[in-house]
Amino acid sequence: MCPTHVHQAYDRETLEAWAQSGVTTVRDSGSDGDPSDLYAFRDEASQDRRYARLVALGPIITIPGGYGSRPVTSIEHARQMVTALLDDGADLIKIGIEDDLQGRRWPMLSAEEIT
């Protein structure tokens, strides 16, 4: 089993409990703040087979005012952000394209910014 949307995966106790319950891998669903702590924790915890594997996304890329925590202002800025997150250790990249979440409309990335 592999839960793909978790918010509380970031401590050894939780990762161990999941592994003991048969969950082999969990995926961070997008974190705020500096992702380097998350990536370092993932790398350290991955050395111990008692823990479920953590796939770390880091912050959600969006546009100013959009859903997510890392706004980009141009296509080039988006490329730079993706490259920086991958270089820092992100396993995957998540983008915010929510248009009706939490009872409100959100500005979204354009198709050009996404591709």
PDB file of N, CA and C in Angstrom:
ATOM      1  N   MET A   1       0.842  -1.171   0.000  1.00  0.00           N
ATOM      2  CA  MET A   1       0.000   0.000   0.000  1.00  0.00           C
ATOM      3  C   MET A   1       0.890   1.238   0.000  1.00  0.00           C
ATOM      4  N   CYS A   2       0.429   2.273  -0.693  1.00  0.00           N
ATOM      5  CA  CYS A   2       1.205   3.504  -0.805  1.00  0.00           C
ATOM      6  C   CYS A   2       0.279   4.720  -0.746  1.00  0.00           C
ATOM      7  N   PRO A   3       0.028   5.292   0.464  1.00  0.00           N
ATOM      8  CA  PRO A   3      -0.767   6.516   0.531  1.00  0.00           C
ATOM      9  C   PRO A   3      -0.055   7.630  -0.241  1.00  0.00           C
ATOM     10  N   THR A   4      -0.785   8.330  -1.077  1.00  0.00           N
ATOM     11  CA  THR A   4      -0.143   9.322  -1.932  1.00  0.00           C
ATOM     12  C   THR A   4      -0.489  10.753  -1.571  1.00  0.00           C
ATOM     13  N   HIS A   5      -1.125  10.963  -0.438  1.00  0.00           N
ATOM     14  CA  HIS A   5      -1.458  12.333  -0.030  1.00  0.00           C
ATOM     15  C   HIS A   5      -1.415  12.389   1.495  1.00  0.00           C
ATOM     16  N   VAL A   6      -0.244  12.643   2.042  1.00  0.00           N
ATOM     17  CA  VAL A   6      -0.104  12.669   3.498  1.00  0.00           C
ATOM     18  C   VAL A   6       0.398  14.027   3.958  1.00  0.00           C
ATOM     19  N   HIS A   7      -0.028  14.391   5.163  1.00  0.00           N
ATOM     20  CA  HIS A   7       0.399  15.661   5.740  1.00  0.00           C
ATOM     21  C   HIS A   7       1.233  15.466   7.000  1.00  0.00           C
ATOM     22  N   GLN A   8       1.233  14.290   7.563  1.00  0.00           N
ATOM     23  CA  GLN A   8       1.928  14.060   8.830  1.00  0.00           C
ATOM     24  C   GLN A   8       2.928  12.920   8.720  1.00  0.00           C
ATOM     25  N   ALA A   9       3.765  12.952   7.712  1.00  0.00           N
ATOM     26  CA  ALA A   9       4.699  11.849   7.466  1.00  0.00           C
ATOM     27  C   ALA A   9       6.084  12.118   8.003  1.00  0.00           C
ATOM     28  N   TYR A  10       6.274  13.220   8.698  1.00  0.00           N
ATOM     29  CA  TYR A  10       7.623  13.725   8.867  1.00  0.00           C
ATOM     30  C   TYR A  10       8.236  13.463  10.230  1.00  0.00           C
ATOM     31  N   ASP A  11       7.934  12.315  10.805  1.00  0.00           N
ATOM     32  CA  ASP A  11       8.643  11.922  12.014  1.00  0.00           C
ATOM     33  C   ASP A  11       8.837  10.409  11.982  1.00  0.00           C
ATOM     34  N   ARG A  12       9.845   9.973  12.682  1.00  0.00           N
ATOM     35  CA  ARG A  12      10.200   8.551  12.656  1.00  0.00           C
ATOM     36  C   ARG A  12       9.087   7.663  13.207  1.00  0.00           C
ATOM     37  N   GLU A  13       8.416   8.128  14.252  1.00  0.00           N
ATOM     38  CA  GLU A  13       7.356   7.334  14.871  1.00  0.00           C
ATOM     39  C   GLU A  13       6.242   7.025  13.861  1.00  0.00           C
ATOM     40  N   THR A  14       5.829   8.026  13.106  1.00  0.00           N
ATOM     41  CA  THR A  14       4.764   7.826  12.123  1.00  0.00           C
ATOM     42  C   THR A  14       5.228   6.926  10.986  1.00  0.00           C
ATOM     43  N   LEU A  15       6.430   7.157  10.477  1.00  0.00           N
ATOM     44  CA  LEU A  15       6.944   6.307   9.397  1.00  0.00           C
ATOM     45  C   LEU A  15       7.093   4.857   9.854  1.00  0.00           C
ATOM     46  N   GLU A  16       7.504   4.657  11.090  1.00  0.00           N
ATOM     47  CA  GLU A  16       7.634   3.295  11.613  1.00  0.00           C
ATOM     48  C   GLU A  16       6.261   2.644  11.776  1.00  0.00           C
ATOM     49  N   ALA A  17       5.281   3.397  12.276  1.00  0.00           N
ATOM     50  CA  ALA A  17       3.930   2.851  12.437  1.00  0.00           C
ATOM     51  C   ALA A  17       3.342   2.445  11.089  1.00  0.00           C
ATOM     52  N   TRP A  18       3.554   3.268  10.081  1.00  0.00           N
ATOM     53  CA  TRP A  18       3.064   2.906   8.755  1.00  0.00           C
ATOM     54  C   TRP A  18       3.732   1.632   8.258  1.00  0.00           C
ATOM     55  N   ALA A  19       5.035   1.534   8.402  1.00  0.00           N
ATOM     56  CA  ALA A  19       5.748   0.340   7.941  1.00  0.00           C
ATOM     57  C   ALA A  19       5.245  -0.905   8.661  1.00  0.00           C
ATOM     58  N   GLN A  20       5.005  -0.802   9.960  1.00  0.00           N
ATOM     59  CA  GLN A  20       4.504  -1.945  10.727  1.00  0.00           C
ATOM     60  C   GLN A  20       3.088  -2.333  10.310  1.00  0.00           C
ATOM     61  N   SER A  21       2.365  -1.384   9.712  1.00  0.00           N
ATOM     62  CA  SER A  21       1.004  -1.648   9.243  1.00  0.00           C
ATOM     63  C   SER A  21       0.960  -2.096   7.786  1.00  0.00           C
ATOM     64  N   GLY A  22       2.130  -2.258   7.172  1.00  0.00           N
ATOM     65  CA  GLY A  22       2.196  -2.737   5.804  1.00  0.00           C
ATOM     66  C   GLY A  22       2.291  -1.653   4.745  1.00  0.00           C
ATOM     67  N   VAL A  23       2.372  -0.397   5.171  1.00  0.00           N
ATOM     68  CA  VAL A  23       2.522   0.709   4.222  1.00  0.00           C
ATOM     69  C   VAL A  23       4.007   0.857   3.928  1.00  0.00           C
ATOM     70  N   THR A  24       4.390   0.691   2.685  1.00  0.00           N
ATOM     71  CA  THR A  24       5.812   0.722   2.337  1.00  0.00           C
ATOM     72  C   THR A  24       6.309   2.104   1.942  1.00  0.00           C
ATOM     73  N   THR A  25       5.419   2.942   1.397  1.00  0.00           N
ATOM     74  CA  THR A  25       5.823   4.240   0.856  1.00  0.00           C
ATOM     75  C   THR A  25       4.710   5.255   1.084  1.00  0.00           C
ATOM     76  N   VAL A  26       5.073   6.468   1.480  1.00  0.00           N
ATOM     77  CA  VAL A  26       4.117   7.570   1.593  1.00  0.00           C
ATOM     78  C   VAL A  26       4.663   8.754   0.807  1.00  0.00           C
ATOM     79  N   ARG A  27       3.746   9.596   0.314  1.00  0.00           N
ATOM     80  CA  ARG A  27       4.179  10.741  -0.482  1.00  0.00           C
ATOM     81  C   ARG A  27       3.735  12.029   0.188  1.00  0.00           C
ATOM     82  N   ASP A  28       4.687  12.898   0.449  1.00  0.00           N
ATOM     83  CA  ASP A  28       4.406  14.250   0.917  1.00  0.00           C
ATOM     84  C   ASP A  28       3.531  14.926  -0.123  1.00  0.00           C
ATOM     85  N   SER A  29       2.504  15.627   0.328  1.00  0.00           N
ATOM     86  CA  SER A  29       1.562  16.217  -0.624  1.00  0.00           C
ATOM     87  C   SER A  29       1.856  17.668  -0.958  1.00  0.00           C
ATOM     88  N   GLY A  30       2.988  18.151  -0.532  1.00  0.00           N
ATOM     89  CA  GLY A  30       3.363  19.541  -0.798  1.00  0.00           C
ATOM     90  C   GLY A  30       3.492  20.298   0.504  1.00  0.00           C
ATOM     91  N   SER A  31       4.670  20.756   0.806  1.00  0.00           N
ATOM     92  CA  SER A  31       4.958  21.399   2.084  1.00  0.00           C
ATOM     93  C   SER A  31       5.255  22.877   1.889  1.00  0.00           C
ATOM     94  N   ASP A  32       4.976  23.652   2.919  1.00  0.00           N
ATOM     95  CA  ASP A  32       5.366  25.059   2.926  1.00  0.00           C
ATOM     96  C   ASP A  32       6.774  25.182   3.500  1.00  0.00           C
ATOM     97  N   GLY A  33       7.367  26.336   3.339  1.00  0.00           N
ATOM     98  CA  GLY A  33       8.654  26.603   3.967  1.00  0.00           C
ATOM     99  C   GLY A  33       9.823  26.028   3.198  1.00  0.00           C
ATOM    100  N   ASP A  34      10.947  25.944   3.890  1.00  0.00           N
ATOM    101  CA  ASP A  34      12.199  25.473   3.297  1.00  0.00           C
ATOM    102  C   ASP A  34      12.172  23.951   3.197  1.00  0.00           C
ATOM    103  N   PRO A  35      12.215  23.413   1.985  1.00  0.00           N
ATOM    104  CA  PRO A  35      12.121  21.965   1.845  1.00  0.00           C
ATOM    105  C   PRO A  35      13.394  21.213   2.207  1.00  0.00           C
ATOM    106  N   SER A  36      14.506  21.913   2.435  1.00  0.00           N
ATOM    107  CA  SER A  36      15.768  21.206   2.672  1.00  0.00           C
ATOM    108  C   SER A  36      15.700  20.333   3.922  1.00  0.00           C
ATOM    109  N   ASP A  37      14.963  20.757   4.956  1.00  0.00           N
ATOM    110  CA  ASP A  37      14.811  19.921   6.150  1.00  0.00           C
ATOM    111  C   ASP A  37      14.063  18.633   5.816  1.00  0.00           C
ATOM    112  N   LEU A  38      13.017  18.743   5.004  1.00  0.00           N
ATOM    113  CA  LEU A  38      12.250  17.571   4.592  1.00  0.00           C
ATOM    114  C   LEU A  38      13.119  16.612   3.789  1.00  0.00           C
ATOM    115  N   TYR A  39      13.900  17.137   2.846  1.00  0.00           N
ATOM    116  CA  TYR A  39      14.753  16.281   2.025  1.00  0.00           C
ATOM    117  C   TYR A  39      15.833  15.605   2.873  1.00  0.00           C
ATOM    118  N   ALA A  40      16.409  16.336   3.817  1.00  0.00           N
ATOM    119  CA  ALA A  40      17.437  15.759   4.695  1.00  0.00           C
ATOM    120  C   ALA A  40      16.834  14.655   5.560  1.00  0.00           C
ATOM    121  N   PHE A  41      15.629  14.901   6.101  1.00  0.00           N
ATOM    122  CA  PHE A  41      14.965  13.882   6.909  1.00  0.00           C
ATOM    123  C   PHE A  41      14.668  12.648   6.063  1.00  0.00           C
ATOM    124  N   ARG A  42      14.152  12.853   4.849  1.00  0.00           N
ATOM    125  CA  ARG A  42      13.863  11.731   3.948  1.00  0.00           C
ATOM    126  C   ARG A  42      15.121  10.906   3.702  1.00  0.00           C
ATOM    127  N   ASP A  43      16.230  11.583   3.414  1.00  0.00           N
ATOM    128  CA  ASP A  43      17.478  10.884   3.117  1.00  0.00           C
ATOM    129  C   ASP A  43      17.973  10.090   4.316  1.00  0.00           C
ATOM    130  N   GLU A  44      17.877  10.680   5.499  1.00  0.00           N
ATOM    131  CA  GLU A  44      18.319   9.989   6.712  1.00  0.00           C
ATOM    132  C   GLU A  44      17.411   8.806   7.036  1.00  0.00           C
ATOM    133  N   ALA A  45      16.099   9.017   6.985  1.00  0.00           N
ATOM    134  CA  ALA A  45      15.153   7.955   7.334  1.00  0.00           C
ATOM    135  C   ALA A  45      15.198   6.808   6.332  1.00  0.00           C
ATOM    136  N   SER A  46      15.548   7.093   5.092  1.00  0.00           N
ATOM    137  CA  SER A  46      15.567   6.042   4.070  1.00  0.00           C
ATOM    138  C   SER A  46      16.650   5.000   4.325  1.00  0.00           C
ATOM    139  N   GLN A  47      17.579   5.303   5.198  1.00  0.00           N
ATOM    140  CA  GLN A  47      18.650   4.360   5.519  1.00  0.00           C
ATOM    141  C   GLN A  47      18.202   3.276   6.499  1.00  0.00           C
ATOM    142  N   ASP A  48      17.020   3.441   7.087  1.00  0.00           N
ATOM    143  CA  ASP A  48      16.538   2.521   8.117  1.00  0.00           C
ATOM    144  C   ASP A  48      15.298   1.788   7.599  1.00  0.00           C
ATOM    145  N   ARG A  49      15.386   0.489   7.475  1.00  0.00           N
ATOM    146  CA  ARG A  49      14.289  -0.311   6.922  1.00  0.00           C
ATOM    147  C   ARG A  49      13.074  -0.401   7.839  1.00  0.00           C
ATOM    148  N   ARG A  50      13.194   0.109   9.065  1.00  0.00           N
ATOM    149  CA  ARG A  50      12.024   0.111   9.955  1.00  0.00           C
ATOM    150  C   ARG A  50      10.983   1.131   9.511  1.00  0.00           C
ATOM    151  N   TYR A  51      11.374   2.071   8.653  1.00  0.00           N
ATOM    152  CA  TYR A  51      10.497   3.179   8.281  1.00  0.00           C
ATOM    153  C   TYR A  51       9.935   3.002   6.875  1.00  0.00           C
ATOM    154  N   ALA A  52       8.693   3.461   6.699  1.00  0.00           N
ATOM    155  CA  ALA A  52       8.135   3.551   5.352  1.00  0.00           C
ATOM    156  C   ALA A  52       8.958   4.566   4.561  1.00  0.00           C
ATOM    157  N   ARG A  53       9.092   4.342   3.288  1.00  0.00           N
ATOM    158  CA  ARG A  53       9.828   5.255   2.408  1.00  0.00           C
ATOM    159  C   ARG A  53       9.017   6.533   2.227  1.00  0.00           C
ATOM    160  N   LEU A  54       9.690   7.681   2.274  1.00  0.00           N
ATOM    161  CA  LEU A  54       9.042   8.981   2.105  1.00  0.00           C
ATOM    162  C   LEU A  54       9.439   9.577   0.763  1.00  0.00           C
ATOM    163  N   VAL A  55       8.455   9.847  -0.081  1.00  0.00           N
ATOM    164  CA  VAL A  55       8.667  10.550  -1.345  1.00  0.00           C
ATOM    165  C   VAL A  55       8.347  12.017  -1.069  1.00  0.00           C
ATOM    166  N   ALA A  56       9.322  12.896  -1.281  1.00  0.00           N
ATOM    167  CA  ALA A  56       9.200  14.294  -0.866  1.00  0.00           C
ATOM    168  C   ALA A  56       9.014  15.230  -2.055  1.00  0.00           C
ATOM    169  N   LEU A  57       7.931  15.997  -2.026  1.00  0.00           N
ATOM    170  CA  LEU A  57       7.666  16.968  -3.083  1.00  0.00           C
ATOM    171  C   LEU A  57       8.219  18.343  -2.751  1.00  0.00           C
ATOM    172  N   GLY A  58       8.043  18.793  -1.541  1.00  0.00           N
ATOM    173  CA  GLY A  58       8.415  20.157  -1.202  1.00  0.00           C
ATOM    174  C   GLY A  58       7.274  21.109  -1.499  1.00  0.00           C
ATOM    175  N   PRO A  59       7.562  22.387  -1.722  1.00  0.00           N
ATOM    176  CA  PRO A  59       6.505  23.388  -1.870  1.00  0.00           C
ATOM    177  C   PRO A  59       5.752  23.272  -3.198  1.00  0.00           C
ATOM    178  N   ILE A  60       4.501  23.746  -3.182  1.00  0.00           N
ATOM    179  CA  ILE A  60       3.646  23.741  -4.369  1.00  0.00           C
ATOM    180  C   ILE A  60       3.910  25.011  -5.174  1.00  0.00           C
ATOM    181  N   ILE A  61       4.212  24.844  -6.455  1.00  0.00           N
ATOM    182  CA  ILE A  61       4.462  25.981  -7.348  1.00  0.00           C
ATOM    183  C   ILE A  61       3.125  26.535  -7.839  1.00  0.00           C
ATOM    184  N   THR A  62       3.004  27.852  -7.841  1.00  0.00           N
ATOM    185  CA  THR A  62       1.767  28.522  -8.236  1.00  0.00           C
ATOM    186  C   THR A  62       2.098  29.866  -8.869  1.00  0.00           C
ATOM    187  N   ILE A  63       1.094  30.694  -9.058  1.00  0.00           N
ATOM    188  CA  ILE A  63       1.308  32.078  -9.486  1.00  0.00           C
ATOM    189  C   ILE A  63       0.950  32.986  -8.315  1.00  0.00           C
ATOM    190  N   PRO A  64       1.350  34.252  -8.337  1.00  0.00           N
ATOM    191  CA  PRO A  64       0.992  35.150  -7.235  1.00  0.00           C
ATOM    192  C   PRO A  64      -0.523  35.139  -6.987  1.00  0.00           C
ATOM    193  N   GLY A  65      -0.897  34.886  -5.740  1.00  0.00           N
ATOM    194  CA  GLY A  65      -2.302  34.812  -5.365  1.00  0.00           C
ATOM    195  C   GLY A  65      -2.943  33.467  -5.594  1.00  0.00           C
ATOM    196  N   GLY A  66      -2.205  32.509  -6.181  1.00  0.00           N
ATOM    197  CA  GLY A  66      -2.743  31.186  -6.461  1.00  0.00           C
ATOM    198  C   GLY A  66      -2.571  30.244  -5.281  1.00  0.00           C
ATOM    199  N   TYR A  67      -3.136  29.040  -5.424  1.00  0.00           N
ATOM    200  CA  TYR A  67      -3.036  28.028  -4.378  1.00  0.00           C
ATOM    201  C   TYR A  67      -1.644  27.411  -4.422  1.00  0.00           C
ATOM    202  N   GLY A  68      -0.931  27.506  -3.323  1.00  0.00           N
ATOM    203  CA  GLY A  68       0.428  27.005  -3.224  1.00  0.00           C
ATOM    204  C   GLY A  68       1.304  28.027  -2.529  1.00  0.00           C
ATOM    205  N   SER A  69       2.551  27.664  -2.296  1.00  0.00           N
ATOM    206  CA  SER A  69       3.421  28.529  -1.489  1.00  0.00           C
ATOM    207  C   SER A  69       4.627  29.083  -2.231  1.00  0.00           C
ATOM    208  N   ARG A  70       4.853  28.661  -3.481  1.00  0.00           N
ATOM    209  CA  ARG A  70       6.001  29.155  -4.248  1.00  0.00           C
ATOM    210  C   ARG A  70       5.518  29.804  -5.543  1.00  0.00           C
ATOM    211  N   PRO A  71       5.174  31.100  -5.505  1.00  0.00           N
ATOM    212  CA  PRO A  71       4.697  31.754  -6.721  1.00  0.00           C
ATOM    213  C   PRO A  71       5.810  31.996  -7.731  1.00  0.00           C
ATOM    214  N   VAL A  72       5.467  31.832  -8.994  1.00  0.00           N
ATOM    215  CA  VAL A  72       6.379  32.156 -10.093  1.00  0.00           C
ATOM    216  C   VAL A  72       5.733  33.259 -10.928  1.00  0.00           C
ATOM    217  N   THR A  73       6.564  34.102 -11.526  1.00  0.00           N
ATOM    218  CA  THR A  73       6.052  35.279 -12.225  1.00  0.00           C
ATOM    219  C   THR A  73       6.255  35.238 -13.736  1.00  0.00           C
ATOM    220  N   SER A  74       6.897  34.199 -14.234  1.00  0.00           N
ATOM    221  CA  SER A  74       7.108  34.067 -15.677  1.00  0.00           C
ATOM    222  C   SER A  74       7.434  32.611 -15.991  1.00  0.00           C
ATOM    223  N   ILE A  75       7.424  32.300 -17.265  1.00  0.00           N
ATOM    224  CA  ILE A  75       7.785  30.941 -17.683  1.00  0.00           C
ATOM    225  C   ILE A  75       9.229  30.642 -17.295  1.00  0.00           C
ATOM    226  N   GLU A  76      10.119  31.591 -17.503  1.00  0.00           N
ATOM    227  CA  GLU A  76      11.524  31.385 -17.132  1.00  0.00           C
ATOM    228  C   GLU A  76      11.673  31.202 -15.625  1.00  0.00           C
ATOM    229  N   HIS A  77      10.934  31.978 -14.856  1.00  0.00           N
ATOM    230  CA  HIS A  77      10.971  31.832 -13.397  1.00  0.00           C
ATOM    231  C   HIS A  77      10.477  30.440 -12.992  1.00  0.00           C
ATOM    232  N   ALA A  78       9.436  29.954 -13.667  1.00  0.00           N
ATOM    233  CA  ALA A  78       8.924  28.609 -13.384  1.00  0.00           C
ATOM    234  C   ALA A  78       9.991  27.555 -13.672  1.00  0.00           C
ATOM    235  N   ARG A  79      10.682  27.689 -14.786  1.00  0.00           N
ATOM    236  CA  ARG A  79      11.762  26.742 -15.110  1.00  0.00           C
ATOM    237  C   ARG A  79      12.849  26.770 -14.041  1.00  0.00           C
ATOM    238  N   GLN A  80      13.222  27.974 -13.628  1.00  0.00           N
ATOM    239  CA  GLN A  80      14.256  28.115 -12.597  1.00  0.00           C
ATOM    240  C   GLN A  80      13.810  27.487 -11.281  1.00  0.00           C
ATOM    241  N   MET A  81      12.540  27.685 -10.909  1.00  0.00           N
ATOM    242  CA  MET A  81      12.014  27.125  -9.665  1.00  0.00           C
ATOM    243  C   MET A  81      12.032  25.604  -9.714  1.00  0.00           C
ATOM    244  N   VAL A  82      11.578  25.025 -10.813  1.00  0.00           N
ATOM    245  CA  VAL A  82      11.575  23.565 -10.954  1.00  0.00           C
ATOM    246  C   VAL A  82      12.996  23.025 -10.883  1.00  0.00           C
ATOM    247  N   THR A  83      13.908  23.643 -11.595  1.00  0.00           N
ATOM    248  CA  THR A  83      15.307  23.206 -11.579  1.00  0.00           C
ATOM    249  C   THR A  83      15.885  23.287 -10.175  1.00  0.00           C
ATOM    250  N   ALA A  84      15.617  24.376  -9.468  1.00  0.00           N
ATOM    251  CA  ALA A  84      16.138  24.544  -8.108  1.00  0.00           C
ATOM    252  C   ALA A  84      15.575  23.487  -7.169  1.00  0.00           C
ATOM    253  N   LEU A  85      14.274  23.204  -7.251  1.00  0.00           N
ATOM    254  CA  LEU A  85      13.676  22.194  -6.379  1.00  0.00           C
ATOM    255  C   LEU A  85      14.253  20.811  -6.666  1.00  0.00           C
ATOM    256  N   LEU A  86      14.413  20.467  -7.932  1.00  0.00           N
ATOM    257  CA  LEU A  86      15.010  19.172  -8.276  1.00  0.00           C
ATOM    258  C   LEU A  86      16.465  19.098  -7.820  1.00  0.00           C
ATOM    259  N   ASP A  87      17.208  20.181  -8.016  1.00  0.00           N
ATOM    260  CA  ASP A  87      18.604  20.214  -7.565  1.00  0.00           C
ATOM    261  C   ASP A  87      18.702  20.081  -6.051  1.00  0.00           C
ATOM    262  N   ASP A  88      17.721  20.638  -5.331  1.00  0.00           N
ATOM    263  CA  ASP A  88      17.722  20.565  -3.865  1.00  0.00           C
ATOM    264  C   ASP A  88      17.331  19.189  -3.353  1.00  0.00           C
ATOM    265  N   GLY A  89      16.671  18.363  -4.200  1.00  0.00           N
ATOM    266  CA  GLY A  89      16.343  17.007  -3.783  1.00  0.00           C
ATOM    267  C   GLY A  89      14.892  16.602  -3.899  1.00  0.00           C
ATOM    268  N   ALA A  90      14.047  17.410  -4.513  1.00  0.00           N
ATOM    269  CA  ALA A  90      12.641  17.027  -4.672  1.00  0.00           C
ATOM    270  C   ALA A  90      12.530  15.755  -5.507  1.00  0.00           C
ATOM    271  N   ASP A  91      11.684  14.834  -5.056  1.00  0.00           N
ATOM    272  CA  ASP A  91      11.425  13.617  -5.828  1.00  0.00           C
ATOM    273  C   ASP A  91      10.449  13.889  -6.969  1.00  0.00           C
ATOM    274  N   LEU A  92       9.516  14.789  -6.729  1.00  0.00           N
ATOM    275  CA  LEU A  92       8.483  15.154  -7.696  1.00  0.00           C
ATOM    276  C   LEU A  92       8.213  16.648  -7.581  1.00  0.00           C
ATOM    277  N   ILE A  93       7.578  17.215  -8.588  1.00  0.00           N
ATOM    278  CA  ILE A  93       7.182  18.620  -8.576  1.00  0.00           C
ATOM    279  C   ILE A  93       5.656  18.676  -8.550  1.00  0.00           C
ATOM    280  N   LYS A  94       5.109  19.516  -7.671  1.00  0.00           N
ATOM    281  CA  LYS A  94       3.661  19.702  -7.597  1.00  0.00           C
ATOM    282  C   LYS A  94       3.338  21.148  -7.947  1.00  0.00           C
ATOM    283  N   ILE A  95       2.311  21.314  -8.788  1.00  0.00           N
ATOM    284  CA  ILE A  95       1.880  22.655  -9.160  1.00  0.00           C
ATOM    285  C   ILE A  95       0.450  22.878  -8.676  1.00  0.00           C
ATOM    286  N   GLY A  96       0.134  24.119  -8.346  1.00  0.00           N
ATOM    287  CA  GLY A  96      -1.211  24.459  -7.900  1.00  0.00           C
ATOM    288  C   GLY A  96      -2.058  24.913  -9.072  1.00  0.00           C
ATOM    289  N   ILE A  97      -3.057  24.125  -9.431  1.00  0.00           N
ATOM    290  CA  ILE A  97      -3.982  24.512 -10.494  1.00  0.00           C
ATOM    291  C   ILE A  97      -5.420  24.375 -10.004  1.00  0.00           C
ATOM    292  N   GLU A  98      -5.644  24.704  -8.746  1.00  0.00           N
ATOM    293  CA  GLU A  98      -6.977  24.652  -8.153  1.00  0.00           C
ATOM    294  C   GLU A  98      -7.774  25.873  -8.587  1.00  0.00           C
ATOM    295  N   ASP A  99      -8.985  25.650  -9.095  1.00  0.00           N
ATOM    296  CA  ASP A  99      -9.809  26.798  -9.462  1.00  0.00           C
ATOM    297  C   ASP A  99     -11.023  26.954  -8.557  1.00  0.00           C
ATOM    298  N   ASP A 100     -11.297  25.969  -7.715  1.00  0.00           N
ATOM    299  CA  ASP A 100     -12.438  26.063  -6.801  1.00  0.00           C
ATOM    300  C   ASP A 100     -12.142  25.201  -5.582  1.00  0.00           C
ATOM    301  N   LEU A 101     -11.352  25.728  -4.679  1.00  0.00           N
ATOM    302  CA  LEU A 101     -10.943  24.994  -3.487  1.00  0.00           C
ATOM    303  C   LEU A 101     -11.194  25.872  -2.276  1.00  0.00           C
ATOM    304  N   GLN A 102     -11.660  25.269  -1.217  1.00  0.00           N
ATOM    305  CA  GLN A 102     -11.916  25.985   0.035  1.00  0.00           C
ATOM    306  C   GLN A 102     -12.928  27.109  -0.169  1.00  0.00           C
ATOM    307  N   GLY A 103     -13.869  26.886  -1.084  1.00  0.00           N
ATOM    308  CA  GLY A 103     -14.943  27.838  -1.298  1.00  0.00           C
ATOM    309  C   GLY A 103     -14.567  29.112  -2.027  1.00  0.00           C
ATOM    310  N   ARG A 104     -13.464  29.102  -2.736  1.00  0.00           N
ATOM    311  CA  ARG A 104     -13.071  30.303  -3.478  1.00  0.00           C
ATOM    312  C   ARG A 104     -12.413  29.939  -4.800  1.00  0.00           C
ATOM    313  N   ARG A 105     -12.370  30.899  -5.680  1.00  0.00           N
ATOM    314  CA  ARG A 105     -11.698  30.750  -6.970  1.00  0.00           C
ATOM    315  C   ARG A 105     -10.254  31.193  -6.796  1.00  0.00           C
ATOM    316  N   TRP A 106      -9.320  30.468  -7.384  1.00  0.00           N
ATOM    317  CA  TRP A 106      -7.893  30.763  -7.282  1.00  0.00           C
ATOM    318  C   TRP A 106      -7.339  31.100  -8.662  1.00  0.00           C
ATOM    319  N   PRO A 107      -6.450  32.080  -8.762  1.00  0.00           N
ATOM    320  CA  PRO A 107      -5.731  32.273 -10.024  1.00  0.00           C
ATOM    321  C   PRO A 107      -4.897  31.020 -10.307  1.00  0.00           C
ATOM    322  N   MET A 108      -4.750  30.678 -11.577  1.00  0.00           N
ATOM    323  CA  MET A 108      -4.030  29.450 -11.923  1.00  0.00           C
ATOM    324  C   MET A 108      -2.906  29.722 -12.910  1.00  0.00           C
ATOM    325  N   LEU A 109      -1.938  28.820 -12.906  1.00  0.00           N
ATOM    326  CA  LEU A 109      -0.883  28.832 -13.914  1.00  0.00           C
ATOM    327  C   LEU A 109      -1.506  28.661 -15.297  1.00  0.00           C
ATOM    328  N   SER A 110      -0.913  29.291 -16.285  1.00  0.00           N
ATOM    329  CA  SER A 110      -1.381  29.117 -17.664  1.00  0.00           C
ATOM    330  C   SER A 110      -0.851  27.794 -18.218  1.00  0.00           C
ATOM    331  N   ALA A 111      -1.436  27.361 -19.324  1.00  0.00           N
ATOM    332  CA  ALA A 111      -0.953  26.141 -19.983  1.00  0.00           C
ATOM    333  C   ALA A 111       0.510  26.290 -20.378  1.00  0.00           C
ATOM    334  N   GLU A 112       0.911  27.476 -20.811  1.00  0.00           N
ATOM    335  CA  GLU A 112       2.312  27.710 -21.187  1.00  0.00           C
ATOM    336  C   GLU A 112       3.233  27.589 -19.984  1.00  0.00           C
ATOM    337  N   GLU A 113       2.796  28.094 -18.826  1.00  0.00           N
ATOM    338  CA  GLU A 113       3.627  28.004 -17.624  1.00  0.00           C
ATOM    339  C   GLU A 113       3.738  26.569 -17.132  1.00  0.00           C
ATOM    340  N   ILE A 114       2.714  25.783 -17.358  1.00  0.00           N
ATOM    341  CA  ILE A 114       2.717  24.393 -16.906  1.00  0.00           C
ATOM    342  C   ILE A 114       3.615  23.532 -17.781  1.00  0.00           C
ATOM    343  N   THR A 115       3.614  23.771 -19.065  1.00  0.00           N
ATOM    344  CA  THR A 115       4.401  22.937 -19.959  1.00  0.00           C
ATOM    345  C   THR A 115       5.775  23.514 -20.126  1.00  0.00           C
TER     346      THR A 115
END
